C-alpha atoms as a PDB file:
ATOM      1  CA  MET A   1      60.972 176.574 -12.389  1.00  0.00           C
ATOM      2  CA  ARG A   2      60.194 179.187  -9.758  1.00  0.00           C
ATOM      3  CA  ARG A   3      60.555 182.756 -11.013  1.00  0.00           C
ATOM      4  CA  LYS A   4      63.170 184.934  -9.336  1.00  0.00           C
ATOM      5  CA  ILE A   5      60.805 187.807  -8.472  1.00  0.00           C
ATOM      6  CA  PRO A   6      60.798 189.659  -5.140  1.00  0.00           C
ATOM      7  CA  ASN A   7      57.675 190.210  -3.066  1.00  0.00           C
ATOM      8  CA  THR A   8      55.514 192.734  -4.939  1.00  0.00           C
ATOM      9  CA  THR A   9      54.737 194.623  -1.733  1.00  0.00           C
ATOM     10  CA  ALA A  10      58.445 195.159  -1.203  1.00  0.00           C
ATOM     11  CA  LEU A  11      58.800 196.346  -4.809  1.00  0.00           C
ATOM     12  CA  ALA A  12      55.934 198.829  -4.413  1.00  0.00           C
ATOM     13  CA  VAL A  13      57.460 200.111  -1.166  1.00  0.00           C
ATOM     14  CA  PHE A  14      60.870 200.474  -2.800  1.00  0.00           C
ATOM     15  CA  GLU A  15      59.399 202.334  -5.784  1.00  0.00           C
ATOM     16  CA  ALA A  16      57.575 204.791  -3.517  1.00  0.00           C
ATOM     17  CA  ALA A  17      60.592 205.344  -1.249  1.00  0.00           C
ATOM     18  CA  ALA A  18      62.917 205.823  -4.226  1.00  0.00           C
ATOM     19  CA  ARG A  19      60.486 208.170  -5.969  1.00  0.00           C
ATOM     20  CA  HIS A  20      60.038 210.331  -2.868  1.00  0.00           C
ATOM     21  CA  GLY A  21      63.625 209.998  -1.653  1.00  0.00           C
ATOM     22  CA  SER A  22      62.173 209.477   1.807  1.00  0.00           C
ATOM     23  CA  PHE A  23      60.920 206.546   3.874  1.00  0.00           C
ATOM     24  CA  ALA A  24      58.614 208.907   5.786  1.00  0.00           C
ATOM     25  CA  ARG A  25      56.895 210.259   2.656  1.00  0.00           C
ATOM     26  CA  ALA A  26      56.601 206.733   1.246  1.00  0.00           C
ATOM     27  CA  ALA A  27      54.989 205.618   4.498  1.00  0.00           C
ATOM     28  CA  ASN A  28      52.492 208.472   4.270  1.00  0.00           C
ATOM     29  CA  GLU A  29      51.584 207.604   0.667  1.00  0.00           C
ATOM     30  CA  LEU A  30      51.164 203.900   1.364  1.00  0.00           C
ATOM     31  CA  CYS A  31      49.456 204.334   4.753  1.00  0.00           C
ATOM     32  CA  LEU A  32      52.198 202.383   6.534  1.00  0.00           C
ATOM     33  CA  THR A  33      54.524 203.192   9.394  1.00  0.00           C
ATOM     34  CA  GLU A  34      58.051 204.320   8.653  1.00  0.00           C
ATOM     35  CA  SER A  35      59.363 201.227  10.439  1.00  0.00           C
ATOM     36  CA  ALA A  36      57.247 199.011   8.127  1.00  0.00           C
ATOM     37  CA  ILE A  37      58.775 200.745   5.116  1.00  0.00           C
ATOM     38  CA  SER A  38      62.249 200.178   6.557  1.00  0.00           C
ATOM     39  CA  ARG A  39      61.532 196.469   7.135  1.00  0.00           C
ATOM     40  CA  GLN A  40      60.261 195.991   3.568  1.00  0.00           C
ATOM     41  CA  ILE A  41      63.332 197.706   2.114  1.00  0.00           C
ATOM     42  CA  ALA A  42      65.623 195.616   4.322  1.00  0.00           C
ATOM     43  CA  ALA A  43      63.835 192.426   3.209  1.00  0.00           C
ATOM     44  CA  LEU A  44      64.215 193.434  -0.451  1.00  0.00           C
ATOM     45  CA  GLU A  45      67.893 194.215  -0.035  1.00  0.00           C
ATOM     46  CA  HIS A  46      68.391 190.864   1.730  1.00  0.00           C
ATOM     47  CA  TYR A  47      66.635 189.083  -1.169  1.00  0.00           C
ATOM     48  CA  LEU A  48      68.738 190.913  -3.775  1.00  0.00           C
ATOM     49  CA  GLU A  49      71.921 190.555  -1.685  1.00  0.00           C
ATOM     50  CA  LEU A  50      72.839 194.185  -2.306  1.00  0.00           C
ATOM     51  CA  LYS A  51      72.120 197.627  -0.904  1.00  0.00           C
ATOM     52  CA  LEU A  52      69.751 199.958  -2.712  1.00  0.00           C
ATOM     53  CA  PHE A  53      70.054 202.937  -0.378  1.00  0.00           C
ATOM     54  CA  THR A  54      72.987 204.557   1.347  1.00  0.00           C
ATOM     55  CA  ARG A  55      72.255 205.429   4.972  1.00  0.00           C
ATOM     56  CA  VAL A  56      73.765 208.720   6.092  1.00  0.00           C
ATOM     57  CA  LYS A  57      72.845 209.478   9.693  1.00  0.00           C
ATOM     58  CA  ARG A  58      69.008 209.747   9.617  1.00  0.00           C
ATOM     59  CA  GLN A  59      68.818 210.109   5.843  1.00  0.00           C
ATOM     60  CA  VAL A  60      68.553 207.451   3.115  1.00  0.00           C
ATOM     61  CA  ILE A  61      69.921 208.171  -0.357  1.00  0.00           C
ATOM     62  CA  LEU A  62      69.314 206.002  -3.418  1.00  0.00           C
ATOM     63  CA  ASN A  63      72.639 204.617  -4.629  1.00  0.00           C
ATOM     64  CA  ASP A  64      73.673 203.731  -8.197  1.00  0.00           C
ATOM     65  CA  MET A  65      72.338 200.179  -7.903  1.00  0.00           C
ATOM     66  CA  GLY A  66      69.070 201.519  -6.527  1.00  0.00           C
ATOM     67  CA  ARG A  67      68.684 204.071  -9.334  1.00  0.00           C
ATOM     68  CA  ALA A  68      69.309 201.419 -11.988  1.00  0.00           C
ATOM     69  CA  TYR A  69      66.821 199.039 -10.348  1.00  0.00           C
ATOM     70  CA  LEU A  70      64.185 201.790 -10.058  1.00  0.00           C
ATOM     71  CA  GLN A  71      64.535 202.642 -13.740  1.00  0.00           C
ATOM     72  CA  ASN A  72      64.156 198.992 -14.732  1.00  0.00           C
ATOM     73  CA  ILE A  73      61.132 198.100 -12.597  1.00  0.00           C
ATOM     74  CA  SER A  74      59.052 201.296 -12.708  1.00  0.00           C
ATOM     75  CA  LYS A  75      57.468 200.587 -16.098  1.00  0.00           C
ATOM     76  CA  SER A  76      56.884 196.935 -15.186  1.00  0.00           C
ATOM     77  CA  LEU A  77      55.026 197.948 -12.027  1.00  0.00           C
ATOM     78  CA  ALA A  78      52.965 200.509 -13.967  1.00  0.00           C
ATOM     79  CA  ASP A  79      52.101 197.908 -16.621  1.00  0.00           C
ATOM     80  CA  LEU A  80      51.180 195.350 -13.967  1.00  0.00           C
ATOM     81  CA  GLU A  81      48.863 197.876 -12.320  1.00  0.00           C
ATOM     82  CA  ALA A  82      47.287 198.855 -15.664  1.00  0.00           C
ATOM     83  CA  HIS A  83      46.619 195.238 -16.634  1.00  0.00           C
ATOM     84  CA  THR A  84      45.177 194.490 -13.196  1.00  0.00           C
ATOM     85  CA  LEU A  85      42.860 197.509 -13.278  1.00  0.00           C
ATOM     86  CA  SER A  86      41.801 196.661 -16.824  1.00  0.00           C
ATOM     87  CA  LEU A  87      40.860 193.140 -15.790  1.00  0.00           C
ATOM     88  CA  MET A  88      39.035 194.370 -12.674  1.00  0.00           C
ATOM     89  CA  ASN A  89      37.129 197.041 -14.586  1.00  0.00           C
ATOM     90  CA  ASN A  90      36.059 194.664 -17.346  1.00  0.00           C
ATOM     91  CA  LYS A  91      35.142 191.535 -15.431  1.00  0.00           C
ATOM     92  CA  GLY A  92      32.088 189.931 -16.960  1.00  0.00           C
ATOM     93  CA  ASN A  93      32.723 191.661 -20.282  1.00  0.00           C
ATOM     94  CA  ASP A  94      33.679 189.968 -23.522  1.00  0.00           C
ATOM     95  CA  GLY A  95      37.207 191.292 -23.364  1.00  0.00           C
ATOM     96  CA  VAL A  96      39.556 194.185 -23.961  1.00  0.00           C
ATOM     97  CA  LEU A  97      41.186 195.056 -27.290  1.00  0.00           C
ATOM     98  CA  GLU A  98      44.444 196.968 -26.941  1.00  0.00           C
ATOM     99  CA  LEU A  99      44.765 199.056 -30.084  1.00  0.00           C
ATOM    100  CA  ALA A 100      47.671 201.210 -31.279  1.00  0.00           C
ATOM    101  CA  VAL A 101      46.591 204.117 -33.480  1.00  0.00           C
ATOM    102  CA  LEU A 102      47.865 207.041 -35.473  1.00  0.00           C
ATOM    103  CA  PRO A 103      46.746 210.038 -33.387  1.00  0.00           C
ATOM    104  CA  THR A 104      45.079 212.159 -36.088  1.00  0.00           C
ATOM    105  CA  PHE A 105      43.598 209.128 -37.830  1.00  0.00           C
ATOM    106  CA  ALA A 106      42.008 208.019 -34.568  1.00  0.00           C
ATOM    107  CA  ASN A 107      40.628 211.488 -33.797  1.00  0.00           C
ATOM    108  CA  ARG A 108      39.393 212.284 -37.284  1.00  0.00           C
ATOM    109  CA  TRP A 109      38.235 208.930 -38.673  1.00  0.00           C
ATOM    110  CA  LEU A 110      38.042 206.130 -36.126  1.00  0.00           C
ATOM    111  CA  ILE A 111      36.494 207.730 -33.037  1.00  0.00           C
ATOM    112  CA  PRO A 112      33.584 209.414 -34.897  1.00  0.00           C
ATOM    113  CA  ARG A 113      32.604 205.946 -36.217  1.00  0.00           C
ATOM    114  CA  LEU A 114      33.342 203.901 -33.107  1.00  0.00           C
ATOM    115  CA  ARG A 115      29.904 204.184 -31.566  1.00  0.00           C
ATOM    116  CA  SER A 116      28.521 201.703 -34.088  1.00  0.00           C
ATOM    117  CA  PHE A 117      31.042 199.116 -32.856  1.00  0.00           C
ATOM    118  CA  GLN A 118      30.138 199.917 -29.267  1.00  0.00           C
ATOM    119  CA  ASN A 119      26.436 199.502 -30.036  1.00  0.00           C
ATOM    120  CA  ARG A 120      27.040 196.151 -31.687  1.00  0.00           C
ATOM    121  CA  TYR A 121      29.436 194.813 -29.047  1.00  0.00           C
ATOM    122  CA  PRO A 122      28.658 196.674 -25.793  1.00  0.00           C
ATOM    123  CA  ASN A 123      30.712 194.256 -23.688  1.00  0.00           C
ATOM    124  CA  ILE A 124      33.953 194.753 -25.613  1.00  0.00           C
ATOM    125  CA  THR A 125      36.257 197.502 -24.414  1.00  0.00           C
ATOM    126  CA  ILE A 126      38.719 199.145 -26.800  1.00  0.00           C
ATOM    127  CA  ASN A 127      41.752 200.851 -25.299  1.00  0.00           C
ATOM    128  CA  MET A 128      43.603 203.145 -27.694  1.00  0.00           C
ATOM    129  CA  THR A 129      47.185 204.351 -27.432  1.00  0.00           C
ATOM    130  CA  GLU A 130      48.924 206.742 -29.808  1.00  0.00           C
ATOM    131  CA  LYS A 131      51.809 205.196 -31.757  1.00  0.00           C
ATOM    132  CA  PRO A 132      52.889 207.508 -34.586  1.00  0.00           C
ATOM    133  CA  LEU A 133      55.576 205.103 -35.866  1.00  0.00           C
ATOM    134  CA  PRO A 134      55.548 201.381 -36.723  1.00  0.00           C
ATOM    135  CA  PHE A 135      56.747 199.090 -33.930  1.00  0.00           C
ATOM    136  CA  LEU A 136      57.360 195.445 -32.969  1.00  0.00           C
ATOM    137  CA  PHE A 137      54.333 193.824 -31.375  1.00  0.00           C
ATOM    138  CA  GLN A 138      56.411 191.496 -29.207  1.00  0.00           C
ATOM    139  CA  ASP A 139      57.694 194.503 -27.269  1.00  0.00           C
ATOM    140  CA  THR A 140      54.190 195.787 -26.428  1.00  0.00           C
ATOM    141  CA  GLN A 141      50.802 194.828 -25.000  1.00  0.00           C
ATOM    142  CA  PHE A 142      48.975 195.672 -28.252  1.00  0.00           C
ATOM    143  CA  ASP A 143      46.617 193.243 -29.969  1.00  0.00           C
ATOM    144  CA  ALA A 144      46.498 195.201 -33.226  1.00  0.00           C
ATOM    145  CA  ALA A 145      47.202 198.580 -34.811  1.00  0.00           C
ATOM    146  CA  LEU A 146      45.467 200.997 -37.156  1.00  0.00           C
ATOM    147  CA  HIS A 147      48.390 202.478 -38.996  1.00  0.00           C
ATOM    148  CA  PHE A 148      49.928 203.153 -42.383  1.00  0.00           C
ATOM    149  CA  GLU A 149      51.552 200.496 -44.512  1.00  0.00           C
ATOM    150  CA  HIS A 150      55.303 200.318 -44.010  1.00  0.00           C
ATOM    151  CA  PRO A 151      58.128 197.810 -44.648  1.00  0.00           C
ATOM    152  CA  SER A 152      58.887 197.834 -40.906  1.00  0.00           C
ATOM    153  CA  TRP A 153      55.812 195.724 -40.214  1.00  0.00           C
ATOM    154  CA  THR A 154      57.118 192.166 -39.970  1.00  0.00           C
ATOM    155  CA  GLY A 155      55.500 188.977 -38.696  1.00  0.00           C
ATOM    156  CA  VAL A 156      52.055 190.548 -38.999  1.00  0.00           C
ATOM    157  CA  ALA A 157      48.841 190.120 -40.940  1.00  0.00           C
ATOM    158  CA  LYS A 158      47.858 193.261 -42.864  1.00  0.00           C
ATOM    159  CA  VAL A 159      44.353 194.215 -43.948  1.00  0.00           C
ATOM    160  CA  ASP A 160      44.287 197.020 -46.507  1.00  0.00           C
ATOM    161  CA  LEU A 161      41.841 199.852 -45.814  1.00  0.00           C
ATOM    162  CA  PHE A 162      42.245 202.810 -48.172  1.00  0.00           C
ATOM    163  CA  GLU A 163      44.780 205.168 -49.639  1.00  0.00           C
ATOM    164  CA  GLU A 164      45.455 208.682 -48.497  1.00  0.00           C
ATOM    165  CA  ARG A 165      44.059 211.443 -50.728  1.00  0.00           C
ATOM    166  CA  LEU A 166      45.732 214.769 -50.030  1.00  0.00           C
ATOM    167  CA  VAL A 167      44.049 218.059 -50.943  1.00  0.00           C
ATOM    168  CA  PRO A 168      45.063 221.684 -50.327  1.00  0.00           C
ATOM    169  CA  VAL A 169      43.075 223.662 -47.757  1.00  0.00           C
ATOM    170  CA  VAL A 170      43.047 227.311 -46.704  1.00  0.00           C
ATOM    171  CA  ASN A 171      40.951 229.416 -44.360  1.00  0.00           C
ATOM    172  CA  PRO A 172      38.898 231.929 -46.417  1.00  0.00           C
ATOM    173  CA  ALA A 173      38.755 234.250 -43.411  1.00  0.00           C
ATOM    174  CA  PHE A 174      42.506 234.937 -43.790  1.00  0.00           C
ATOM    175  CA  PHE A 175      43.111 234.608 -47.532  1.00  0.00           C
ATOM    176  CA  ASP A 176      41.222 236.078 -50.469  1.00  0.00           C
ATOM    177  CA  VAL A 177      40.251 232.880 -52.258  1.00  0.00           C
ATOM    178  CA  SER A 178      38.906 234.862 -55.219  1.00  0.00           C
ATOM    179  CA  GLN A 179      42.544 235.526 -56.076  1.00  0.00           C
ATOM    180  CA  LEU A 180      43.303 231.807 -56.205  1.00  0.00           C
ATOM    181  CA  THR A 181      42.516 231.172 -59.866  1.00  0.00           C
ATOM    182  CA  ALA A 182      45.271 228.654 -60.671  1.00  0.00           C
ATOM    183  CA  PRO A 183      47.276 226.196 -58.557  1.00  0.00           C
ATOM    184  CA  GLU A 184      50.433 228.295 -58.777  1.00  0.00           C
ATOM    185  CA  ASP A 185      48.617 231.050 -56.878  1.00  0.00           C
ATOM    186  CA  LEU A 186      49.050 228.928 -53.737  1.00  0.00           C
ATOM    187  CA  LEU A 187      52.754 229.739 -53.913  1.00  0.00           C
ATOM    188  CA  ARG A 188      51.853 233.231 -52.696  1.00  0.00           C
ATOM    189  CA  ILE A 189      50.602 231.643 -49.458  1.00  0.00           C
ATOM    190  CA  PRO A 190      52.908 230.062 -46.845  1.00  0.00           C
ATOM    191  CA  LEU A 191      52.910 226.297 -47.308  1.00  0.00           C
ATOM    192  CA  LEU A 192      52.449 224.085 -44.260  1.00  0.00           C
ATOM    193  CA  HIS A 193      54.431 220.828 -44.424  1.00  0.00           C
ATOM    194  CA  LYS A 194      54.279 217.480 -42.669  1.00  0.00           C
ATOM    195  CA  SER A 195      57.756 216.666 -41.395  1.00  0.00           C
ATOM    196  CA  THR A 196      57.653 213.084 -42.659  1.00  0.00           C
ATOM    197  CA  ARG A 197      56.333 214.133 -46.105  1.00  0.00           C
ATOM    198  CA  PRO A 198      58.662 216.996 -47.102  1.00  0.00           C
ATOM    199  CA  GLU A 199      58.087 216.411 -50.831  1.00  0.00           C
ATOM    200  CA  ALA A 200      54.294 216.183 -50.738  1.00  0.00           C
ATOM    201  CA  TRP A 201      53.697 219.770 -51.868  1.00  0.00           C
ATOM    202  CA  ARG A 202      56.204 219.367 -54.702  1.00  0.00           C
ATOM    203  CA  HIS A 203      54.394 216.238 -55.865  1.00  0.00           C
ATOM    204  CA  TRP A 204      51.030 218.033 -55.680  1.00  0.00           C
ATOM    205  CA  PHE A 205      52.249 220.988 -57.744  1.00  0.00           C
ATOM    206  CA  GLU A 206      53.768 218.635 -60.319  1.00  0.00           C
ATOM    207  CA  LEU A 207      50.420 216.812 -60.500  1.00  0.00           C
ATOM    208  CA  SER A 208      48.715 220.153 -61.156  1.00  0.00           C
ATOM    209  CA  GLY A 209      51.180 220.883 -63.953  1.00  0.00           C
ATOM    210  CA  GLN A 210      53.323 223.440 -62.147  1.00  0.00           C
ATOM    211  CA  ASP A 211      57.058 223.866 -61.716  1.00  0.00           C
ATOM    212  CA  ALA A 212      57.468 222.747 -58.115  1.00  0.00           C
ATOM    213  CA  ARG A 213      61.189 223.171 -57.580  1.00  0.00           C
ATOM    214  CA  GLY A 214      61.989 224.622 -54.169  1.00  0.00           C
ATOM    215  CA  THR A 215      58.536 224.191 -52.647  1.00  0.00           C
ATOM    216  CA  SER A 216      59.769 221.639 -50.077  1.00  0.00           C
ATOM    217  CA  ALA A 217      61.917 224.370 -48.505  1.00  0.00           C
ATOM    218  CA  LEU A 218      59.046 226.821 -47.985  1.00  0.00           C
ATOM    219  CA  GLY A 219      56.897 227.116 -44.875  1.00  0.00           C
ATOM    220  CA  ILE A 220      56.496 225.673 -41.392  1.00  0.00           C
ATOM    221  CA  ARG A 221      56.827 221.951 -40.647  1.00  0.00           C
ATOM    222  CA  PHE A 222      54.630 219.912 -38.302  1.00  0.00           C
ATOM    223  CA  ASP A 223      54.775 216.366 -36.963  1.00  0.00           C
ATOM    224  CA  MET A 224      51.071 215.563 -37.359  1.00  0.00           C
ATOM    225  CA  TYR A 225      48.258 216.376 -39.765  1.00  0.00           C
ATOM    226  CA  GLY A 226      46.137 217.512 -36.833  1.00  0.00           C
ATOM    227  CA  MET A 227      48.648 220.301 -36.228  1.00  0.00           C
ATOM    228  CA  ILE A 228      48.616 221.287 -39.907  1.00  0.00           C
ATOM    229  CA  ILE A 229      44.810 221.460 -39.888  1.00  0.00           C
ATOM    230  CA  GLU A 230      44.811 223.729 -36.837  1.00  0.00           C
ATOM    231  CA  ALA A 231      47.562 225.863 -38.377  1.00  0.00           C
ATOM    232  CA  ALA A 232      45.542 226.250 -41.582  1.00  0.00           C
ATOM    233  CA  ARG A 233      42.420 227.135 -39.557  1.00  0.00           C
ATOM    234  CA  SER A 234      44.479 229.751 -37.709  1.00  0.00           C
ATOM    235  CA  GLY A 235      45.567 231.387 -40.959  1.00  0.00           C
ATOM    236  CA  LEU A 236      49.209 230.337 -40.875  1.00  0.00           C
ATOM    237  CA  GLY A 237      49.111 229.116 -44.454  1.00  0.00           C
ATOM    238  CA  ALA A 238      47.862 226.450 -46.842  1.00  0.00           C
ATOM    239  CA  GLY A 239      47.841 222.839 -45.678  1.00  0.00           C
ATOM    240  CA  LEU A 240      48.014 219.662 -47.735  1.00  0.00           C
ATOM    241  CA  VAL A 241      46.026 217.111 -45.759  1.00  0.00           C
ATOM    242  CA  PRO A 242      43.920 213.951 -46.200  1.00  0.00           C
ATOM    243  CA  ARG A 243      40.480 214.949 -47.423  1.00  0.00           C
ATOM    244  CA  PHE A 244      38.637 212.843 -44.852  1.00  0.00           C
ATOM    245  CA  TYR A 245      40.472 214.588 -41.997  1.00  0.00           C
ATOM    246  CA  VAL A 246      38.820 217.922 -42.828  1.00  0.00           C
ATOM    247  CA  GLU A 247      35.245 216.881 -43.628  1.00  0.00           C
ATOM    248  CA  ASN A 248      33.815 218.847 -40.695  1.00  0.00           C
ATOM    249  CA  GLU A 249      35.929 221.957 -41.366  1.00  0.00           C
ATOM    250  CA  ILE A 250      34.883 221.951 -45.029  1.00  0.00           C
ATOM    251  CA  HIS A 251      31.224 221.538 -44.084  1.00  0.00           C
ATOM    252  CA  ARG A 252      31.458 224.497 -41.666  1.00  0.00           C
ATOM    253  CA  GLN A 253      33.534 226.446 -44.219  1.00  0.00           C
ATOM    254  CA  ASP A 254      36.296 226.938 -41.685  1.00  0.00           C
ATOM    255  CA  LEU A 255      38.474 225.637 -44.515  1.00  0.00           C
ATOM    256  CA  ILE A 256      37.966 225.372 -48.250  1.00  0.00           C
ATOM    257  CA  ILE A 257      39.616 223.276 -50.956  1.00  0.00           C
ATOM    258  CA  PRO A 258      40.654 225.890 -53.537  1.00  0.00           C
ATOM    259  CA  PHE A 259      41.661 223.295 -56.153  1.00  0.00           C
ATOM    260  CA  ASP A 260      40.120 219.841 -56.021  1.00  0.00           C
ATOM    261  CA  ILE A 261      43.238 218.009 -57.155  1.00  0.00           C
ATOM    262  CA  GLU A 262      43.980 214.893 -55.116  1.00  0.00           C
ATOM    263  CA  LEU A 263      47.487 213.631 -54.483  1.00  0.00           C
ATOM    264  CA  ARG A 264      47.171 209.882 -54.033  1.00  0.00           C
ATOM    265  CA  HIS A 265      49.458 206.914 -53.343  1.00  0.00           C
ATOM    266  CA  GLU A 266      51.479 208.744 -50.682  1.00  0.00           C
ATOM    267  CA  LYS A 267      50.369 206.376 -47.919  1.00  0.00           C
ATOM    268  CA  ARG A 268      47.923 203.524 -47.422  1.00  0.00           C
ATOM    269  CA  TYR A 269      46.106 202.918 -44.175  1.00  0.00           C
ATOM    270  CA  CYS A 270      45.857 199.366 -42.910  1.00  0.00           C
ATOM    271  CA  PHE A 271      44.867 197.211 -39.963  1.00  0.00           C
ATOM    272  CA  VAL A 272      47.765 195.109 -38.721  1.00  0.00           C
ATOM    273  CA  TYR A 273      48.016 192.438 -36.052  1.00  0.00           C
ATOM    274  CA  PRO A 274      50.604 189.813 -35.113  1.00  0.00           C
ATOM    275  CA  GLU A 275      50.255 186.407 -36.738  1.00  0.00           C
ATOM    276  CA  HIS A 276      49.547 184.721 -33.422  1.00  0.00           C
ATOM    277  CA  LYS A 277      46.412 186.880 -33.063  1.00  0.00           C
ATOM    278  CA  LYS A 278      44.782 185.556 -36.253  1.00  0.00           C
ATOM    279  CA  ASP A 279      42.436 183.343 -34.195  1.00  0.00           C
ATOM    280  CA  SER A 280      41.607 186.094 -31.692  1.00  0.00           C
ATOM    281  CA  ARG A 281      37.850 186.639 -31.604  1.00  0.00           C
ATOM    282  CA  LEU A 282      38.247 190.299 -30.588  1.00  0.00           C
ATOM    283  CA  VAL A 283      40.717 191.062 -33.363  1.00  0.00           C
ATOM    284  CA  GLN A 284      38.544 189.409 -36.013  1.00  0.00           C
ATOM    285  CA  LEU A 285      35.345 191.116 -34.827  1.00  0.00           C
ATOM    286  CA  PHE A 286      37.051 194.499 -34.987  1.00  0.00           C
ATOM    287  CA  CYS A 287      38.583 193.666 -38.370  1.00  0.00           C
ATOM    288  CA  ASP A 288      35.181 192.706 -39.808  1.00  0.00           C
ATOM    289  CA  TRP A 289      33.690 195.941 -38.474  1.00  0.00           C
ATOM    290  CA  LEU A 290      36.533 197.921 -40.037  1.00  0.00           C
ATOM    291  CA  LEU A 291      35.957 196.323 -43.434  1.00  0.00           C
ATOM    292  CA  GLU A 292      32.315 197.394 -43.271  1.00  0.00           C
ATOM    293  CA  ARG A 293      33.390 200.961 -42.500  1.00  0.00           C
ATOM    294  CA  LYS A 294      35.925 200.761 -45.335  1.00  0.00           C
ATOM    295  CA  GLN A 295      33.174 199.844 -47.796  1.00  0.00           C
ATOM    296  CA  GLU A 296      31.010 202.745 -46.594  1.00  0.00           C
ATOM    297  CA  PHE A 297      33.940 205.147 -46.713  1.00  0.00           C
ATOM    298  CA  ASN A 298      35.021 204.158 -50.221  1.00  0.00           C
ATOM    299  CA  ALA A 299      31.434 204.391 -51.484  1.00  0.00           C
ATOM    300  CA  ALA A 300      30.974 207.940 -50.156  1.00  0.00           C
ATOM    301  CA  PRO A 301      33.158 209.785 -52.759  1.00  0.00           C
ATOM    302  CA  ALA A 302      31.405 208.016 -55.637  1.00  0.00           C
ATOM    303  CA  ALA A 303      28.016 209.011 -54.253  1.00  0.00           C
ATOM    304  CA  ALA A 304      29.196 212.600 -53.816  1.00  0.00           C
ATOM    305  CA  ARG A 305      30.463 212.733 -57.402  1.00  0.00           C
ATOM    306  CA  GLU A 306      27.140 211.388 -58.641  1.00  0.00           C
ATOM    307  CA  ARG A 307      25.215 214.065 -56.723  1.00  0.00           C
ATOM    308  CA  LYS A 308      27.573 216.733 -58.043  1.00  0.00           C
ATOM    309  CA  GLY A 309      27.066 215.525 -61.606  1.00  0.00           C
ATOM    310  CA  LYS A 310      23.279 215.578 -61.286  1.00  0.00           C
ATOM    311  CA  ALA A 311      23.385 219.101 -59.825  1.00  0.00           C
ATOM    312  CA  ALA A 312      25.488 220.315 -62.763  1.00  0.00           C
ATOM    313  CA  HIS A 313      22.775 219.232 -65.212  1.00  0.00           C
ATOM    314  CA  LEU A 314      19.943 220.981 -63.397  1.00  0.00           C
END
């Protein structure tokens, strides 16, 4: 059955004319004459059997039908262009993996390790897009996602990676850490909260044996851990963040962990992909690489504890 889709040139002309609100400016953008723009719009309106613009003397104004049509096709045209450019830019390569990621997780964990995947598979391109919340794969172009485990994931295969381990951090340049002798001393410092984890600080204080009532109401709230880390570095307060997100800051002593008490089981990170992608070579290659990185990552804390134990006996 033949698809009911207008000429794509006419659609591109319509989108430009509607966006500019002018046939003349659309003609300039597309390197066409104004009469060519007018003919393409007329052909599109004839195909649709409705008017998209209202002609008032020498002006053209997008009508309600035109505005609705513009809203509906703009994303489709942008997606079509993106997919076309992706294919053109990667011809001869082994393929493109479209990956949805948690923004801070990608910046702090994935990207610093990604070169090893690139070295192993130089002809595979990975495109990453931030998706802070779970989603339905059928509504997107994504092949897979690096995300946290959540009941919203349905019709997917899930590969467990590791659990989140939250630790408190402060900037010693702004707070006298010598005065932090017990966990309750952190209550004298503004607490920085993640909006989606309002009870995390309360759980941490309870784990440390403190009365934590009311702590969820104290301090500034942020959408992402990356913002909390920057806020802690800027001296706005104490953050409660995944340990592996602040490895570099701890090494540089931009931040310190005043009490090495880990809050676990808040979230688990996982690799998810739709069931119909289980035979995808790209998805499975990336999954295998991730499992290798998982093994390295999980082995690192044990090695660090062993080194710490040996140092204590010297």
